[in-house]
Protein backbone atom coordinates (compact mmCIF):
# COMPACT_ATOMS: atom_id res chain seq x y z
CA UNK A 1 42.07 11.84 39.01
CA UNK A 2 41.00 15.46 39.41
CA UNK A 3 42.25 17.85 36.77
CA UNK A 4 41.76 21.38 35.50
CA UNK A 5 42.07 20.09 31.93
CA UNK A 6 39.06 19.86 29.61
CA UNK A 7 37.58 16.52 28.55
CA UNK A 8 39.15 15.24 25.34
CA UNK A 9 35.70 14.63 23.79
CA UNK A 10 33.33 17.29 25.10
CA UNK A 11 35.37 20.03 26.81
CA UNK A 12 33.78 19.60 30.27
CA UNK A 13 36.17 19.32 33.21
CA UNK A 14 38.18 16.11 32.90
CA UNK A 15 38.30 13.91 35.99
CA UNK A 16 39.51 10.55 34.67
CA UNK A 17 42.29 9.25 32.45
CA UNK A 18 41.87 6.47 29.94
CA UNK A 19 44.96 5.43 27.99
CA UNK A 20 46.67 8.79 27.37
CA UNK A 21 43.71 11.17 27.36
CA UNK A 22 41.54 12.75 30.04
CA UNK A 23 37.75 12.60 30.14
CA UNK A 24 34.74 13.78 32.12
CA UNK A 25 32.59 11.18 33.94
CA UNK A 26 30.08 10.82 31.12
CA UNK A 27 32.64 10.40 28.33
CA UNK A 28 34.84 8.12 30.44
CA UNK A 29 31.89 5.82 31.19
CA UNK A 30 30.91 5.76 27.54
CA UNK A 31 34.43 4.83 26.44
CA UNK A 32 34.70 2.03 29.01
CA UNK A 33 31.37 0.61 27.81
CA UNK A 34 32.50 0.97 24.18
CA UNK A 35 35.73 -0.97 24.88
CA UNK A 36 33.76 -3.75 26.58
CA UNK A 37 31.22 -3.84 23.74
CA UNK A 38 34.08 -4.10 21.24
CA UNK A 39 35.64 -6.94 23.28
CA UNK A 40 32.33 -8.82 23.29
CA UNK A 41 32.24 -8.83 19.48
CA UNK A 42 34.95 -11.50 19.64
CA UNK A 43 32.43 -13.92 21.14
CA UNK A 44 29.48 -15.34 19.26
CA UNK A 45 26.83 -14.44 21.82
CA UNK A 46 23.50 -14.73 20.10
CA UNK A 47 19.87 -13.97 20.82
CA UNK A 48 18.50 -16.15 23.64
CA UNK A 49 21.98 -17.27 24.80
CA UNK A 50 22.18 -18.24 28.47
CA UNK A 51 24.90 -16.30 30.29
CA UNK A 52 26.27 -17.38 33.65
CA UNK A 53 27.04 -14.10 35.42
CA UNK A 54 28.42 -14.66 38.95
CA UNK A 55 28.63 -11.10 40.32
CA UNK A 56 26.63 -7.86 40.39
CA UNK A 57 29.25 -5.70 38.67
CA UNK A 58 29.48 -8.07 35.70
CA UNK A 59 25.70 -8.31 35.57
CA UNK A 60 25.44 -4.52 35.49
CA UNK A 61 27.80 -4.35 32.49
CA UNK A 62 26.17 -7.26 30.65
CA UNK A 63 22.74 -5.65 30.99
CA UNK A 64 24.14 -2.29 29.89
CA UNK A 65 26.19 -3.30 26.83
CA UNK A 66 24.61 -6.44 25.35
CA UNK A 67 21.76 -5.27 23.17
CA UNK A 68 20.26 -8.71 22.66
CA UNK A 69 17.57 -10.60 24.52
CA UNK A 70 19.73 -12.99 26.58
CA UNK A 71 18.97 -15.05 29.66
CA UNK A 72 21.18 -14.12 32.62
CA UNK A 73 21.61 -16.80 35.27
CA UNK A 74 23.70 -16.85 38.45
CA UNK A 75 24.09 -20.65 38.62
CA UNK A 76 23.45 -23.74 36.57
CA UNK A 77 23.97 -24.47 32.89
CA UNK A 78 24.79 -21.71 30.45
CA UNK A 79 26.07 -21.17 26.93
CA UNK A 80 28.72 -18.72 28.18
CA UNK A 81 30.39 -18.08 31.51
CA UNK A 82 31.11 -14.40 32.16
CA UNK A 83 34.22 -13.69 34.27
CA UNK A 84 35.36 -10.30 35.60
CA UNK A 85 38.81 -10.77 34.01
CA UNK A 86 40.81 -7.59 33.40
CA UNK A 87 43.96 -6.71 31.48
CA UNK A 88 45.80 -6.94 34.81
CA UNK A 89 44.59 -10.53 35.33
CA UNK A 90 45.72 -11.48 31.83
CA UNK A 91 49.14 -9.88 32.33
CA UNK A 92 49.61 -11.58 35.69
CA UNK A 93 48.72 -14.91 34.12
CA UNK A 94 51.29 -14.34 31.34
CA UNK A 95 54.04 -13.46 33.84
CA UNK A 96 53.28 -16.48 36.03
CA UNK A 97 53.31 -18.80 33.01
CA UNK A 98 56.64 -17.34 31.92
CA UNK A 99 58.35 -17.70 35.31
CA UNK A 100 56.87 -21.14 35.95
CA UNK A 101 57.92 -22.18 32.42
CA UNK A 102 54.40 -23.23 31.45
CA UNK A 103 52.91 -23.19 27.99
CA UNK A 104 50.19 -20.48 27.65
CA UNK A 105 46.67 -21.83 28.03
CA UNK A 106 44.35 -21.21 25.11
CA UNK A 107 41.15 -19.45 26.05
CA UNK A 108 37.97 -21.49 26.20
CA UNK A 109 35.55 -19.99 23.65
CA UNK A 110 32.68 -20.29 26.16
CA UNK A 111 34.41 -18.19 28.84
CA UNK A 112 33.94 -14.46 28.32
CA UNK A 113 36.66 -12.27 29.83
CA UNK A 114 34.37 -9.29 30.26
CA UNK A 115 36.80 -6.54 31.34
CA UNK A 116 39.72 -7.85 29.27
CA UNK A 117 40.64 -4.57 27.49
CA UNK A 118 40.68 -2.54 30.73
CA UNK A 119 42.80 -2.38 33.88
CA UNK A 120 41.49 -2.94 37.39
CA UNK A 121 42.06 0.74 38.12
CA UNK A 122 39.91 1.73 35.14
CA UNK A 123 37.15 -0.64 36.25
CA UNK A 124 37.25 0.68 39.82
CA UNK A 125 36.88 4.22 38.47
CA UNK A 126 34.02 3.21 36.17
CA UNK A 127 32.07 1.45 38.92
CA UNK A 128 32.62 4.31 41.35
CA UNK A 129 31.04 6.65 38.76
CA UNK A 130 28.11 4.22 38.35
CA UNK A 131 27.88 3.61 42.12
CA UNK A 132 28.08 -0.16 41.66
CA UNK A 133 29.98 -2.30 44.16
CA UNK A 134 33.17 -3.70 42.64
CA UNK A 135 36.20 -5.10 44.40
CA UNK A 136 39.49 -5.46 42.58
CA UNK A 137 42.12 -7.45 44.42
CA UNK A 138 45.67 -6.31 43.74
CA UNK A 139 48.41 -8.90 43.94
CA UNK A 140 52.13 -8.20 44.22
CA UNK A 141 52.49 -8.69 40.47
CA UNK A 142 49.67 -6.17 39.88
CA UNK A 143 51.40 -3.65 42.10
CA UNK A 144 54.68 -4.05 40.23
CA UNK A 145 52.90 -3.71 36.88
CA UNK A 146 51.15 -0.56 38.14
CA UNK A 147 54.54 0.92 39.02
CA UNK A 148 55.87 0.06 35.56
CA UNK A 149 52.76 1.57 33.96
CA UNK A 150 53.34 4.82 35.88
CA UNK A 151 56.98 5.03 34.76
CA UNK A 152 56.47 3.58 31.28
CA UNK A 153 52.92 4.22 30.01
CA UNK A 154 51.70 1.49 27.70
CA UNK A 155 53.49 -1.35 29.53
CA UNK A 156 50.25 -3.18 30.35
CA UNK A 157 48.88 -2.86 26.82
CA UNK A 158 52.18 -4.16 25.40
CA UNK A 159 52.11 -7.17 27.73
CA UNK A 160 48.52 -7.84 26.74
CA UNK A 161 49.47 -7.77 23.05
CA UNK A 162 52.32 -10.21 23.80
CA UNK A 163 49.91 -12.51 25.59
CA UNK A 164 47.54 -12.45 22.60
CA UNK A 165 50.32 -13.30 20.16
CA UNK A 166 51.50 -16.23 22.30
CA UNK A 167 48.06 -17.83 22.58
CA UNK A 168 47.17 -17.67 18.87
């Protein structure tokens, strides 16, 4: 998103929007990494943990934000499985469970939903800044949620909060 507005943090030209504020490339990237780092605090990843990381984008983030000596593997046994799961994936799962009248599935403590606090759009923007290949598939439900988010900002975050309260 190109803009003539200044970055909310540093006053450079803002190019990206995160939540309700606009940021330059550097500040935007830092905030995305901060949100992912904060999300990872909910997992008990420890020194020398083995992490199963199936794709390059997830590997890039894991290497960037986890400040522990961990073993990253692409197959085999691991203490944690890293998945490129976004806010959009979580919301879609909630909607499908609701319409199919299924009880919400509790999250496995060994599966790390790496991009959980961020939307697919935000991750696409982040990886384009970092020049890392990342493909985000958009389903019909995602497209509808994107339209709602445009008309009613905060819709996705509200759905995510609902999902969290249902699975506790």
